[in-house]
Amino acid sequence: VSDCEELVNEVNHTTECVTDLLSFEWAEL
């Protein structure tokens, strides 16, 4: 269960980074 939680946290963090990056790209346009 702990490993699953860590994996989910990593995915959530990556998703946040990607979302921020996309938002920044859209703001540039």
PDB file of N, CA and C in Angstrom:
ATOM      1  N   VAL A   1       0.849  -1.206   0.000  1.00  0.00           N
ATOM      2  CA  VAL A   1       0.000   0.000   0.000  1.00  0.00           C
ATOM      3  C   VAL A   1       0.876   1.244   0.000  1.00  0.00           C
ATOM      4  N   SER A   2       1.948   1.208   0.777  1.00  0.00           N
ATOM      5  CA  SER A   2       2.832   2.373   0.870  1.00  0.00           C
ATOM      6  C   SER A   2       3.430   2.685  -0.494  1.00  0.00           C
ATOM      7  N   ASP A   3       3.879   1.624  -1.196  1.00  0.00           N
ATOM      8  CA  ASP A   3       4.475   1.826  -2.518  1.00  0.00           C
ATOM      9  C   ASP A   3       3.459   2.453  -3.461  1.00  0.00           C
ATOM     10  N   CYS A   4       2.216   1.987  -3.385  1.00  0.00           N
ATOM     11  CA  CYS A   4       1.169   2.532  -4.262  1.00  0.00           C
ATOM     12  C   CYS A   4       0.969   4.014  -3.972  1.00  0.00           C
ATOM     13  N   GLU A   5       0.959   4.355  -2.693  1.00  0.00           N
ATOM     14  CA  GLU A   5       0.762   5.758  -2.323  1.00  0.00           C
ATOM     15  C   GLU A   5       1.904   6.607  -2.856  1.00  0.00           C
ATOM     16  N   GLU A   6       3.126   6.082  -2.751  1.00  0.00           N
ATOM     17  CA  GLU A   6       4.286   6.838  -3.248  1.00  0.00           C
ATOM     18  C   GLU A   6       4.159   7.043  -4.745  1.00  0.00           C
ATOM     19  N   LEU A   7       3.725   5.993  -5.454  1.00  0.00           N
ATOM     20  CA  LEU A   7       3.582   6.076  -6.906  1.00  0.00           C
ATOM     21  C   LEU A   7       2.529   7.117  -7.260  1.00  0.00           C
ATOM     22  N   VAL A   8       1.411   7.100  -6.546  1.00  0.00           N
ATOM     23  CA  VAL A   8       0.339   8.067  -6.793  1.00  0.00           C
ATOM     24  C   VAL A   8       0.838   9.479  -6.542  1.00  0.00           C
ATOM     25  N   ASN A   9       1.601   9.662  -5.468  1.00  0.00           N
ATOM     26  CA  ASN A   9       2.135  10.995  -5.160  1.00  0.00           C
ATOM     27  C   ASN A   9       3.061  11.464  -6.267  1.00  0.00           C
ATOM     28  N   GLU A  10       3.879  10.540  -6.788  1.00  0.00           N
ATOM     29  CA  GLU A  10       4.803  10.916  -7.863  1.00  0.00           C
ATOM     30  C   GLU A  10       4.020  11.325  -9.097  1.00  0.00           C
ATOM     31  N   VAL A  11       2.991  10.555  -9.433  1.00  0.00           N
ATOM     32  CA  VAL A  11       2.170  10.855 -10.614  1.00  0.00           C
ATOM     33  C   VAL A  11       1.472  12.193 -10.433  1.00  0.00           C
ATOM     34  N   ASN A  12       0.925  12.434  -9.239  1.00  0.00           N
ATOM     35  CA  ASN A  12       0.238  13.701  -8.980  1.00  0.00           C
ATOM     36  C   ASN A  12       1.212  14.865  -9.119  1.00  0.00           C
ATOM     37  N   HIS A  13       2.420  14.696  -8.591  1.00  0.00           N
ATOM     38  CA  HIS A  13       3.422  15.764  -8.665  1.00  0.00           C
ATOM     39  C   HIS A  13       3.785  16.033 -10.121  1.00  0.00           C
ATOM     40  N   THR A  14       3.982  14.948 -10.884  1.00  0.00           N
ATOM     41  CA  THR A  14       4.338  15.094 -12.300  1.00  0.00           C
ATOM     42  C   THR A  14       3.212  15.785 -13.049  1.00  0.00           C
ATOM     43  N   THR A  15       1.965  15.400 -12.740  1.00  0.00           N
ATOM     44  CA  THR A  15       0.806  16.002 -13.404  1.00  0.00           C
ATOM     45  C   THR A  15       0.756  17.497 -13.107  1.00  0.00           C
ATOM     46  N   GLU A  16       1.041  17.858 -11.856  1.00  0.00           N
ATOM     47  CA  GLU A  16       1.029  19.279 -11.492  1.00  0.00           C
ATOM     48  C   GLU A  16       2.091  20.030 -12.278  1.00  0.00           C
ATOM     49  N   CYS A  17       3.275  19.442 -12.393  1.00  0.00           N
ATOM     50  CA  CYS A  17       4.369  20.089 -13.136  1.00  0.00           C
ATOM     51  C   CYS A  17       3.977  20.264 -14.597  1.00  0.00           C
ATOM     52  N   VAL A  18       3.405  19.222 -15.189  1.00  0.00           N
ATOM     53  CA  VAL A  18       3.000  19.281 -16.598  1.00  0.00           C
ATOM     54  C   VAL A  18       1.906  20.324 -16.778  1.00  0.00           C
ATOM     55  N   THR A  19       0.943  20.355 -15.858  1.00  0.00           N
ATOM     56  CA  THR A  19      -0.153  21.321 -15.949  1.00  0.00           C
ATOM     57  C   THR A  19       0.391  22.742 -15.870  1.00  0.00           C
ATOM     58  N   ASP A  20       1.323  22.967 -14.934  1.00  0.00           N
ATOM     59  CA  ASP A  20       1.924  24.301 -14.799  1.00  0.00           C
ATOM     60  C   ASP A  20       2.653  24.675 -16.083  1.00  0.00           C
ATOM     61  N   LEU A  21       3.370  23.696 -16.656  1.00  0.00           N
ATOM     62  CA  LEU A  21       4.131  23.957 -17.876  1.00  0.00           C
ATOM     63  C   LEU A  21       3.180  24.303 -19.018  1.00  0.00           C
ATOM     64  N   LEU A  22       2.098  23.538 -19.154  1.00  0.00           N
ATOM     65  CA  LEU A  22       1.130  23.799 -20.224  1.00  0.00           C
ATOM     66  C   LEU A  22       0.474  25.159 -20.018  1.00  0.00           C
ATOM     67  N   SER A  23       0.141  25.477 -18.781  1.00  0.00           N
ATOM     68  CA  SER A  23      -0.489  26.771 -18.494  1.00  0.00           C
ATOM     69  C   SER A  23       0.458  27.893 -18.888  1.00  0.00           C
ATOM     70  N   PHE A  24       1.747  27.715 -18.604  1.00  0.00           N
ATOM     71  CA  PHE A  24       2.748  28.725 -18.949  1.00  0.00           C
ATOM     72  C   PHE A  24       2.830  28.867 -20.464  1.00  0.00           C
ATOM     73  N   GLU A  25       2.831  27.738 -21.174  1.00  0.00           N
ATOM     74  CA  GLU A  25       2.903  27.759 -22.640  1.00  0.00           C
ATOM     75  C   GLU A  25       1.686  28.478 -23.211  1.00  0.00           C
ATOM     76  N   TRP A  26       0.497  28.173 -22.693  1.00  0.00           N
ATOM     77  CA  TRP A  26      -0.726  28.816 -23.188  1.00  0.00           C
ATOM     78  C   TRP A  26      -0.688  30.312 -22.894  1.00  0.00           C
ATOM     79  N   ALA A  27      -0.126  30.686 -21.735  1.00  0.00           N
ATOM     80  CA  ALA A  27      -0.052  32.107 -21.374  1.00  0.00           C
ATOM     81  C   ALA A  27       0.849  32.833 -22.368  1.00  0.00           C
ATOM     82  N   GLU A  28       1.899  32.160 -22.832  1.00  0.00           N
ATOM     83  CA  GLU A  28       2.822  32.768 -23.794  1.00  0.00           C
ATOM     84  C   GLU A  28       2.109  33.026 -25.119  1.00  0.00           C
ATOM     85  N   LEU A  29       1.175  32.136 -25.472  1.00  0.00           N
ATOM     86  CA  LEU A  29       0.443  32.313 -26.729  1.00  0.00           C
ATOM     87  C   LEU A  29      -0.548  33.454 -26.562  1.00  0.00           C
TER      88      LEU A  29
END
